[in-house]
Protein backbone atom coordinates (compact mmCIF):
# COMPACT_ATOMS: atom_id res chain seq x y z
CA MET A 1 135.58 87.50 145.64
CA VAL A 2 132.38 88.16 143.65
CA ILE A 3 133.89 91.32 142.16
CA LYS A 4 136.97 89.37 141.08
CA ILE A 5 134.85 86.67 139.42
CA LYS A 6 132.84 89.31 137.57
CA SER A 7 136.06 90.97 136.43
CA ILE A 8 137.39 87.66 135.09
CA LEU A 9 134.11 86.94 133.29
CA LEU A 10 134.13 90.39 131.73
CA GLN A 11 137.71 89.94 130.54
CA LEU A 12 136.81 86.54 129.07
CA PHE A 13 133.87 88.09 127.26
CA LEU A 14 136.06 90.84 125.83
CA LEU A 15 138.56 88.24 124.68
CA VAL A 16 135.81 86.35 122.83
CA PHE A 17 134.31 89.57 121.45
CA THR A 18 137.66 90.80 120.14
CA ALA A 19 138.62 87.42 118.69
CA THR A 20 135.22 87.08 117.00
CA PHE A 21 135.32 90.43 115.26
CA ALA A 22 139.00 90.02 114.43
CA PHE A 23 138.02 86.83 112.61
CA ILE A 24 135.10 88.54 110.84
CA PHE A 25 137.38 91.43 109.85
CA THR A 26 140.06 89.10 108.50
CA ASP A 27 137.52 87.02 106.63
CA ALA A 28 135.92 90.16 105.14
CA LEU A 29 139.36 91.28 104.00
CA ILE A 30 140.30 87.95 102.42
CA HIS A 31 136.83 87.05 101.15
CA PRO A 32 134.80 90.22 100.38
CA ASN A 33 131.14 89.29 100.35
CA ALA A 34 130.00 88.46 96.82
CA THR A 35 126.23 88.88 97.20
CA PHE A 36 126.15 91.65 94.59
CA LEU A 37 129.64 91.51 93.07
CA GLN A 38 132.72 89.31 93.13
CA MET A 39 135.30 91.80 94.41
CA SER A 40 139.07 91.79 94.70
CA GLY A 41 140.24 91.59 98.31
CA TRP A 42 143.32 93.62 97.43
CA LYS A 43 141.26 96.47 95.99
CA VAL A 44 138.84 96.47 98.92
CA GLY A 45 141.70 96.34 101.41
CA GLY A 46 143.59 99.15 99.68
CA LEU A 47 140.52 101.36 99.58
CA ALA A 48 139.80 100.54 103.24
CA CYS A 49 143.32 101.70 104.15
CA LEU A 50 142.72 105.03 102.42
CA ILE A 51 139.37 105.49 104.20
CA ALA A 52 140.87 104.53 107.56
CA ALA A 53 143.71 107.01 107.05
CA PHE A 54 141.18 109.71 106.15
CA PHE A 55 139.18 108.99 109.30
CA TYR A 56 142.29 109.01 111.48
CA PHE A 57 143.70 112.27 110.17
CA ALA A 58 140.25 113.86 110.15
CA TYR A 59 140.05 113.12 113.88
CA ARG A 60 143.51 114.59 114.47
CA GLY A 61 142.53 117.66 112.48
CA MET A 62 139.37 118.09 114.49
CA LYS A 63 141.41 118.11 117.71
CA LYS A 64 142.93 121.40 116.57
CA LEU A 65 139.57 123.10 116.06
CA SER A 66 137.91 125.38 118.58
CA THR A 67 134.55 124.54 120.12
CA ARG A 68 132.90 126.87 117.63
CA GLY A 69 134.74 125.21 114.76
CA LEU A 70 133.68 121.76 115.90
CA MET A 71 130.05 122.85 116.15
CA ILE A 72 130.18 124.29 112.64
CA VAL A 73 131.63 121.05 111.26
CA SER A 74 128.94 119.05 113.07
CA LEU A 75 126.22 121.31 111.65
CA VAL A 76 127.61 121.03 108.12
CA ASN A 77 127.64 117.23 108.42
CA LEU A 78 124.05 117.28 109.66
CA VAL A 79 122.95 119.41 106.70
CA LEU A 80 124.76 117.06 104.29
CA LEU A 81 123.03 114.05 105.88
CA VAL A 82 119.63 115.70 105.46
CA LEU A 83 120.39 116.56 101.84
CA LEU A 84 121.39 112.97 101.15
CA GLN A 85 118.13 111.76 102.68
CA LEU A 86 116.12 114.18 100.55
CA PHE A 87 118.03 113.06 97.45
CA PHE A 88 117.08 109.43 98.00
CA ILE A 89 113.48 110.36 98.79
CA ARG A 90 113.33 112.22 95.48
CA TYR A 91 115.10 109.78 93.17
CA PHE A 92 114.75 106.35 94.79
CA GLN A 93 111.09 106.14 95.77
CA VAL A 94 109.70 102.61 95.55
CA ASN A 95 106.31 100.99 95.70
CA PRO A 96 106.11 99.06 98.99
CA THR A 97 106.75 95.36 98.35
CA TRP A 98 107.71 92.25 100.38
CA ASP A 99 106.71 92.56 104.07
CA VAL A 100 106.45 96.35 103.85
CA GLY A 101 103.92 96.00 101.04
CA ASP A 102 101.83 93.40 102.86
CA VAL A 103 101.58 95.56 105.97
CA TYR A 104 100.98 98.76 103.99
CA ARG A 105 98.17 97.25 101.90
CA ALA A 106 96.53 95.82 105.02
CA ALA A 107 96.66 99.28 106.61
CA LEU A 108 95.06 100.83 103.51
CA GLU A 109 92.19 98.35 103.70
CA GLN A 110 91.49 99.05 107.38
CA LYS A 111 92.54 102.64 107.94
CA ASP A 112 88.93 103.69 108.53
CA SER A 113 87.93 100.69 110.64
CA PHE A 114 90.41 98.26 112.17
CA TYR A 115 88.24 95.17 112.41
CA ALA A 116 90.23 92.08 111.40
CA LEU A 117 93.68 90.60 110.84
CA SER A 118 94.54 88.99 107.50
CA ASP A 119 96.22 85.59 107.14
CA TYR A 120 99.55 87.36 106.66
CA PHE A 121 99.44 88.37 110.34
CA THR A 122 97.66 85.38 111.86
CA ILE A 123 99.25 82.53 109.91
CA LYS A 124 102.71 83.99 109.24
CA TYR A 125 103.91 87.15 110.97
CA PRO A 126 101.96 88.46 113.99
CA ASN A 127 105.12 90.37 114.94
CA ASN A 128 104.17 92.93 112.25
CA ILE A 129 100.80 93.78 113.84
CA PRO A 130 102.32 96.74 115.78
CA LEU A 131 103.69 98.13 112.50
CA LEU A 132 100.23 97.74 110.99
CA ILE A 133 98.80 99.83 113.83
CA VAL A 134 101.51 102.48 113.32
CA PHE A 135 100.66 102.66 109.60
CA ILE A 136 96.91 102.91 110.30
CA LEU A 137 97.40 105.71 112.83
CA GLY A 138 99.72 107.50 110.43
CA MET A 139 97.18 107.27 107.63
CA ARG A 140 94.38 108.56 109.84
CA PHE A 141 96.53 111.51 110.86
CA LEU A 142 97.37 112.36 107.24
CA ASP A 143 93.67 112.07 106.35
CA LEU A 144 93.07 115.13 108.53
CA PHE A 145 95.08 117.14 105.99
CA GLY A 146 93.59 115.51 102.90
CA VAL A 147 96.78 113.58 102.13
CA THR A 148 96.36 110.38 100.13
CA ASN A 149 99.95 109.59 99.09
CA TYR A 150 100.63 108.08 102.49
CA TYR A 151 103.80 106.13 101.77
CA PHE A 152 105.59 109.17 100.35
CA TYR A 153 105.01 111.06 103.60
CA PHE A 154 105.98 108.02 105.63
CA THR A 155 109.44 108.24 104.07
CA PHE A 156 109.86 111.68 105.63
CA VAL A 157 108.89 110.23 109.02
CA ASN A 158 111.44 107.50 108.41
CA ALA A 159 114.11 110.13 107.68
CA LEU A 160 113.15 112.07 110.81
CA VAL A 161 113.41 108.96 113.02
CA ILE A 162 116.88 108.25 111.62
CA LEU A 163 117.94 111.86 112.23
CA LEU A 164 116.65 111.77 115.80
CA SER A 165 118.52 108.51 116.34
CA MET A 166 121.71 110.16 115.10
CA GLY A 167 121.03 113.16 117.33
CA GLY A 168 120.76 110.82 120.32
CA LEU A 169 123.98 109.08 119.29
CA TYR A 170 125.74 112.45 118.94
CA TRP A 171 124.59 113.46 122.44
CA LEU A 172 125.71 110.16 123.95
CA ILE A 173 129.13 110.32 122.31
CA HIS A 174 129.57 113.95 123.35
CA ARG A 175 128.64 113.05 126.92
CA HIS A 176 131.17 110.23 127.15
CA PHE A 177 134.01 111.11 124.79
CA GLY A 178 133.78 114.84 124.23
CA LEU A 179 132.95 117.21 121.38
CA VAL A 180 135.82 116.12 119.13
CA SER A 181 134.58 112.54 119.12
CA ALA A 182 130.97 113.64 118.57
CA THR A 183 132.04 115.78 115.62
CA TRP A 184 134.01 112.87 114.16
CA ALA A 185 130.94 110.66 114.59
CA SER A 186 128.89 113.22 112.62
CA LEU A 187 131.40 112.75 109.78
CA LEU A 188 131.10 108.97 110.09
CA MET A 189 127.34 109.29 109.62
CA LEU A 190 127.89 110.47 106.04
CA PHE A 191 129.67 107.20 105.27
CA MET A 192 126.90 105.06 106.79
CA THR A 193 124.76 104.62 103.66
CA PRO A 194 121.73 103.01 105.40
CA LEU A 195 121.13 106.34 107.16
CA TYR A 196 119.95 107.86 103.89
CA MET A 197 119.65 105.04 101.35
CA TYR A 198 117.13 103.15 103.51
CA VAL A 199 114.89 106.21 103.89
CA PRO A 200 112.59 105.10 101.00
CA ILE A 201 112.13 101.71 102.75
CA VAL A 202 109.72 102.35 105.64
CA TYR A 203 110.14 99.29 107.81
CA THR A 204 111.01 98.39 111.39
CA ASP A 205 114.77 98.26 110.68
CA THR A 206 114.90 102.06 110.65
CA LEU A 207 111.62 103.02 112.35
CA VAL A 208 112.71 101.24 115.54
CA MET A 209 116.33 102.44 115.37
CA ILE A 210 115.53 105.25 117.81
CA PHE A 211 114.46 102.89 120.59
CA PRO A 212 117.87 101.28 121.24
CA ILE A 213 119.59 104.68 121.29
CA LEU A 214 116.88 106.19 123.54
CA GLY A 215 117.15 103.12 125.75
CA LEU A 216 120.91 103.58 126.04
CA ILE A 217 120.54 107.27 126.87
CA LEU A 218 118.03 106.51 129.64
CA TYR A 219 120.14 103.63 130.91
CA ASP A 220 123.16 105.93 130.95
CA LEU A 221 121.26 108.56 132.94
CA PHE A 222 119.97 105.91 135.34
CA TYR A 223 123.39 104.27 135.66
CA HIS A 224 125.22 107.48 136.53
CA SER A 225 122.45 109.13 138.58
CA THR A 226 122.58 109.11 142.40
CA ASP A 227 119.39 110.98 143.28
CA ARG A 228 115.69 110.19 142.99
CA ARG A 229 115.64 111.06 139.31
CA ARG A 230 117.20 107.67 138.62
CA TYR A 231 113.82 106.03 139.29
CA VAL A 232 112.16 108.27 136.71
CA TYR A 233 114.88 107.29 134.24
CA LEU A 234 114.32 103.64 135.11
CA ILE A 235 110.56 103.77 134.45
CA LEU A 236 111.12 105.62 131.18
CA LEU A 237 113.78 103.07 130.26
CA GLY A 238 111.36 100.20 130.77
CA LEU A 239 108.66 102.02 128.80
CA VAL A 240 110.93 102.80 125.83
CA LEU A 241 112.38 99.29 125.68
CA SER A 242 108.96 97.64 125.97
CA ILE A 243 107.59 99.64 123.03
CA GLY A 244 110.75 98.96 121.02
CA VAL A 245 110.52 95.22 121.62
CA LEU A 246 106.81 95.24 120.80
CA VAL A 247 107.48 96.70 117.34
CA LYS A 248 110.79 94.92 116.67
CA THR A 249 111.29 91.73 118.67
CA ASN A 250 115.06 91.51 118.42
CA ALA A 251 115.33 94.79 120.30
CA ILE A 252 115.09 92.42 123.29
CA ILE A 253 118.83 91.82 122.79
CA LEU A 254 119.53 95.29 124.18
CA VAL A 255 117.34 94.55 127.22
CA VAL A 256 119.34 91.41 127.97
CA ALA A 257 122.62 93.28 127.40
CA ILE A 258 121.62 96.02 129.86
CA LEU A 259 120.71 93.44 132.50
CA ILE A 260 124.02 91.61 132.01
CA HIS A 261 126.03 94.84 132.07
CA TYR A 262 124.36 96.12 135.23
CA LEU A 263 124.82 92.77 136.97
CA MET A 264 128.53 92.80 136.14
CA MET A 265 128.94 96.29 137.58
CA ASN A 266 126.62 96.26 140.61
CA PRO A 267 125.51 94.13 143.58
CA MET A 268 122.62 91.70 143.14
CA LYS A 269 120.25 93.85 145.22
CA ARG A 270 120.58 96.83 142.89
CA TRP A 271 120.30 94.53 139.86
CA ILE A 272 116.94 93.22 141.13
CA GLN A 273 115.73 96.83 141.36
CA LEU A 274 116.68 97.35 137.72
CA LEU A 275 115.01 94.09 136.70
CA ILE A 276 111.74 95.05 138.40
CA GLY A 277 111.91 98.59 136.99
CA ILE A 278 112.22 97.22 133.44
CA ALA A 279 109.83 94.27 133.83
CA LEU A 280 106.92 96.32 135.20
CA PRO A 281 106.50 98.61 132.15
CA PHE A 282 106.97 95.55 129.92
CA PHE A 283 104.08 93.83 131.67
CA ILE A 284 101.83 96.91 131.52
CA VAL A 285 102.53 97.68 127.85
CA ASN A 286 102.08 94.05 126.78
CA THR A 287 98.86 93.71 128.79
CA ILE A 288 97.35 96.83 127.22
CA TYR A 289 98.42 95.72 123.73
CA GLN A 290 97.02 92.20 124.09
CA SER A 291 93.74 93.48 125.54
CA ARG A 292 93.20 95.57 122.40
CA ILE A 293 94.46 93.07 119.82
CA SER A 294 93.45 89.66 121.17
CA PRO A 295 89.75 90.11 120.24
CA LEU A 296 90.92 90.13 116.60
CA TYR A 297 92.76 86.82 116.92
CA PRO A 298 90.92 84.06 115.00
CA THR A 299 92.59 81.41 117.15
CA GLU A 300 94.55 80.93 120.36
CA LYS A 301 97.55 83.21 120.73
CA SER A 302 99.88 80.19 120.85
CA GLU A 303 98.72 79.23 117.33
CA LEU A 304 99.47 82.62 115.77
CA GLY A 305 102.26 82.83 113.21
CA PHE A 306 105.05 80.46 112.35
CA PRO A 307 106.71 78.77 115.35
CA MET A 308 110.21 80.02 116.20
CA THR A 309 111.75 76.79 114.93
CA HIS A 310 110.89 77.98 111.41
CA TRP A 311 113.60 80.66 111.48
CA VAL A 312 116.17 78.31 113.00
CA MET A 313 115.43 75.80 110.23
CA MET A 314 115.66 78.53 107.59
CA GLY A 315 118.91 79.77 109.11
CA LEU A 316 120.47 76.36 108.47
CA ASP A 317 119.94 76.53 104.70
CA GLY A 318 122.70 77.89 102.46
CA ASN A 319 124.09 81.18 103.75
CA GLY A 320 121.33 81.42 106.36
CA GLY A 321 119.31 84.06 104.53
CA TYR A 322 115.63 84.10 103.62
CA PHE A 323 114.74 80.87 101.78
CA HIS A 324 111.40 81.02 99.97
CA GLU A 325 111.01 77.23 99.85
CA ASP A 326 111.24 77.05 103.66
CA ALA A 327 108.61 79.77 104.03
CA GLU A 328 106.27 77.95 101.64
CA TYR A 329 106.92 74.66 103.44
CA THR A 330 105.93 76.04 106.85
CA ASN A 331 102.99 77.91 105.35
CA SER A 332 101.70 74.68 103.80
CA LEU A 333 101.88 72.96 107.20
CA LYS A 334 99.83 75.78 108.72
CA LEU A 335 97.25 75.56 105.93
CA GLU A 336 96.95 71.80 106.49
CA GLY A 337 95.63 72.61 109.97
CA LEU A 338 98.61 71.40 111.99
CA THR A 339 99.14 73.01 115.38
CA ASN A 340 102.30 74.94 116.11
CA ASP A 341 103.46 72.20 118.48
CA GLN A 342 103.10 69.65 115.68
CA ILE A 343 104.93 71.94 113.27
CA LYS A 344 107.72 72.44 115.83
CA ASP A 345 108.23 68.67 115.97
CA ILE A 346 108.45 68.52 112.17
CA HIS A 347 110.90 71.41 112.17
CA LEU A 348 113.05 69.79 114.87
CA ASP A 349 113.24 66.58 112.86
CA ARG A 350 114.34 68.54 109.82
CA ILE A 351 116.86 70.56 111.86
CA LYS A 352 118.37 67.32 113.17
CA GLN A 353 118.57 66.05 109.59
CA GLN A 354 120.25 69.27 108.44
CA LEU A 355 122.82 69.10 111.23
CA SER A 356 123.48 65.42 110.50
CA GLU A 357 124.02 66.15 106.80
CA TYR A 358 126.41 68.97 107.62
CA GLY A 359 128.63 67.10 110.03
CA VAL A 360 131.02 69.08 112.24
CA ARG A 361 133.18 70.49 109.45
CA GLY A 362 130.20 71.28 107.21
CA PHE A 363 128.36 73.01 110.05
CA LEU A 364 131.39 75.18 110.88
CA ASN A 365 131.65 76.11 107.20
CA HIS A 366 127.95 77.00 107.24
CA LEU A 367 128.46 79.29 110.25
CA HIS A 368 131.41 80.85 108.44
CA GLN A 369 129.14 81.56 105.44
CA LYS A 370 126.50 83.13 107.70
CA MET A 371 129.03 85.42 109.36
CA ASN A 372 130.37 86.60 106.01
CA PHE A 373 126.88 87.03 104.54
CA THR A 374 125.73 89.05 107.57
CA TRP A 375 128.70 91.11 108.75
CA ALA A 376 130.96 91.35 105.70
CA GLU A 377 128.28 92.70 103.35
CA GLY A 378 128.66 96.46 103.16
CA THR A 379 125.46 97.41 101.33
CA TYR A 380 123.15 96.14 104.09
CA PHE A 381 121.07 94.71 101.23
CA ILE A 382 120.17 98.19 99.94
CA PRO A 383 120.50 97.44 96.17
CA GLU A 384 118.08 94.54 96.51
CA LYS A 385 115.43 96.61 98.29
CA LEU A 386 115.72 99.77 96.17
CA SER A 387 115.56 97.78 92.94
CA ARG A 388 112.11 96.35 93.76
CA GLN A 389 109.43 98.28 91.90
CA PRO A 390 111.01 101.75 91.74
CA ILE A 391 108.37 104.40 91.01
CA GLU A 392 110.47 105.99 88.28
CA THR A 393 113.59 105.30 86.25
CA ASN A 394 116.45 107.79 86.36
CA VAL A 395 120.18 108.04 85.71
CA TYR A 396 121.13 107.79 89.39
CA GLN A 397 119.71 104.31 89.95
CA ALA A 398 122.33 102.65 87.77
CA TYR A 399 125.00 103.72 90.28
CA VAL A 400 123.26 101.86 93.12
CA PHE A 401 121.58 98.80 91.62
CA GLY A 402 122.39 99.03 87.92
CA ASP A 403 125.35 98.32 85.65
CA LYS A 404 127.39 101.26 86.99
CA ASN A 405 127.29 100.33 90.68
CA HIS A 406 130.77 98.79 91.01
CA PRO A 407 132.35 101.93 92.57
CA TYR A 408 129.50 102.07 95.11
CA LEU A 409 129.85 98.38 95.97
CA TYR A 410 133.61 98.67 96.44
CA ALA A 411 133.24 101.83 98.54
CA VAL A 412 130.66 100.45 100.97
CA GLN A 413 132.57 97.18 101.23
CA ALA A 414 135.70 99.11 102.21
CA ILE A 415 133.74 101.21 104.71
CA GLN A 416 132.34 98.05 106.29
CA LEU A 417 135.86 96.66 106.57
CA VAL A 418 136.99 99.81 108.38
CA MET A 419 133.99 99.51 110.71
CA LEU A 420 134.87 95.90 111.54
CA GLY A 421 138.47 96.88 112.15
CA LEU A 422 137.50 99.69 114.52
CA MET A 423 135.08 97.42 116.37
CA THR A 424 137.91 94.93 116.87
CA ILE A 425 140.18 97.72 118.15
CA SER A 426 137.44 98.84 120.55
CA GLY A 427 137.50 95.37 122.10
CA VAL A 428 141.25 95.65 122.68
CA TYR A 429 140.91 99.01 124.42
CA LEU A 430 137.98 97.85 126.53
CA PHE A 431 140.38 95.40 128.18
CA LYS A 432 142.09 98.41 129.71
CA ASN A 433 138.93 100.10 130.92
CA ARG A 434 136.76 97.75 132.95
CA HIS A 435 134.29 100.46 133.95
CA ALA A 436 133.69 101.90 130.47
CA PHE A 437 130.00 102.35 129.81
CA VAL A 438 130.67 101.25 126.22
CA HIS A 439 130.78 97.65 127.44
CA VAL A 440 127.01 97.55 127.11
CA MET A 441 127.34 98.24 123.35
CA ALA A 442 129.82 95.40 122.98
CA ILE A 443 127.53 93.02 124.88
CA THR A 444 124.55 94.03 122.72
CA LEU A 445 126.40 93.59 119.43
CA PHE A 446 127.81 90.24 120.49
CA GLY A 447 124.30 89.18 121.49
CA ASN A 448 123.09 90.21 118.04
CA PHE A 449 125.95 88.23 116.53
CA LEU A 450 124.90 85.08 118.41
CA PHE A 451 121.24 85.61 117.57
CA LEU A 452 121.89 85.94 113.84
CA LEU A 453 124.22 82.96 113.95
CA ILE A 454 121.24 80.83 114.99
CA TRP A 455 118.37 82.67 113.27
CA GLU A 456 117.60 83.49 109.65
CA THR A 457 119.92 86.33 108.77
CA ARG A 458 121.09 89.00 106.36
CA SER A 459 123.06 92.24 106.62
CA ARG A 460 119.85 94.32 106.74
CA TYR A 461 119.23 92.96 110.22
CA LEU A 462 122.26 94.92 111.48
CA VAL A 463 120.65 98.30 110.68
CA LEU A 464 118.73 98.40 113.98
CA TYR A 465 121.98 98.35 115.93
CA LEU A 466 124.03 100.44 113.50
CA PRO A 467 124.20 103.38 116.00
CA LEU A 468 125.84 101.04 118.55
CA MET A 469 128.36 99.89 115.96
CA MET A 470 129.13 103.54 115.24
CA MET A 471 129.62 104.31 118.93
CA LEU A 472 132.09 101.44 119.31
CA CYS A 473 133.96 102.72 116.25
CA THR A 474 134.05 106.21 117.76
CA TYR A 475 135.35 104.77 121.03
CA ALA A 476 138.11 103.01 119.10
CA MET A 477 139.10 106.18 117.24
CA ALA A 478 139.04 108.20 120.45
CA SER A 479 141.22 105.55 122.10
CA LEU A 480 143.73 105.78 119.27
CA ASN A 481 143.85 109.54 119.95
CA LYS A 482 143.96 109.42 123.75
CA ASN A 483 144.76 113.07 124.29
CA SER A 484 141.40 114.05 122.85
CA MET A 485 139.69 112.41 125.79
CA LYS A 486 141.05 114.94 128.23
CA GLY A 487 138.20 116.54 130.10
CA SER A 488 135.57 114.17 128.77
CA ARG A 489 133.31 112.11 130.98
CA GLU A 490 134.88 108.75 130.27
CA HIS A 491 138.66 108.50 129.94
CA VAL A 492 140.17 105.75 127.81
């Protein structure tokens, strides 16, 4: 009876997941996001059809290759990805600004002696303290070699983390869908512009990307293991996820997704074992972190930073993106000496007012705007970030954030449309395969969808889970070419 209920709940989830991304796909087709350019839906749709056809026939062509041929293609794609990363490191270097700049400058000030936390961390964003520590440790390491241009070398670390993330994704896809699918995924990587265009932006979006994919690998090994090694995998899983969440809070979505997935597939007793195995490293890591950082807190921990209601309030304005006036408003309340509980009450009153002003129809339209702004924006906000204080001016920049960037904007918009289409198709095929491990990716991405529907949002916030989006797309393409799954670990 319990198994039947779980099966029904899973099918209902897949129905909602598929319907949601079908809506986002349709909306992106009819109303291409206009953050950087007002585009023609017909042109975007036509280009998306050409890209989709290329992907499909590329997959079919790869099925005819030998193992050696597939490995060569994968290696060539890897080399091309590295070259693209090096190109953007060379020609699109920027001075660190916005949050990256605040954290970087704080690290420069305290790289020799970490003795205090500035107002940026205590009044506004304590969630960036772990990144501050990472920057300080990185600077101290580079000091050993007499390096002073820290940020430039950090971009290489950023590139390496992205490459390792893609290596983990390649391994996971190969393990579940076979070498053909993994090779196709290596081709897809070349079309995922954040994998190389975000290299000059050293922030948690890309630096933490490796933790979800490592977490999924360890969860996969734990999930399919039957011997004592599964407990080692479980401890490592908890350790990796706890560090990931510490540096990037919304990595917690993957933790919740794993717990939901395992509960749907296993008895309660085994689920409790998983819960304890994950919770214990979380407790240990957080305890160690707080013991080292709390002496630097100028006030009680509960008074650090903006209260969570700030981001819900901000997410209700306009398209749900960052709104400077809201940030200044909350900051002024903090500077007036109000407690976070008092500020929460003020925020809640304003949230109620916002919802009242929207009404039902207005609120639904607002959610529609947020979905389009977040999921239907193919640049992932790259032009905005790369255009802020570039170190040099060159001819290539105009094609990304200058007056010649229309082909780029149309291309990435079409690629995003293909991604959304494949994610929708993956939901359809998951109906037929209740035990597919890929369900955990779908649960995670839907959790991220719900989170960004409530929170302050923008397309950049999808970068952390881009590898999971790519795996769902690969699953969809493999499902459309069922014969390629023969002999792989997970049949479609």
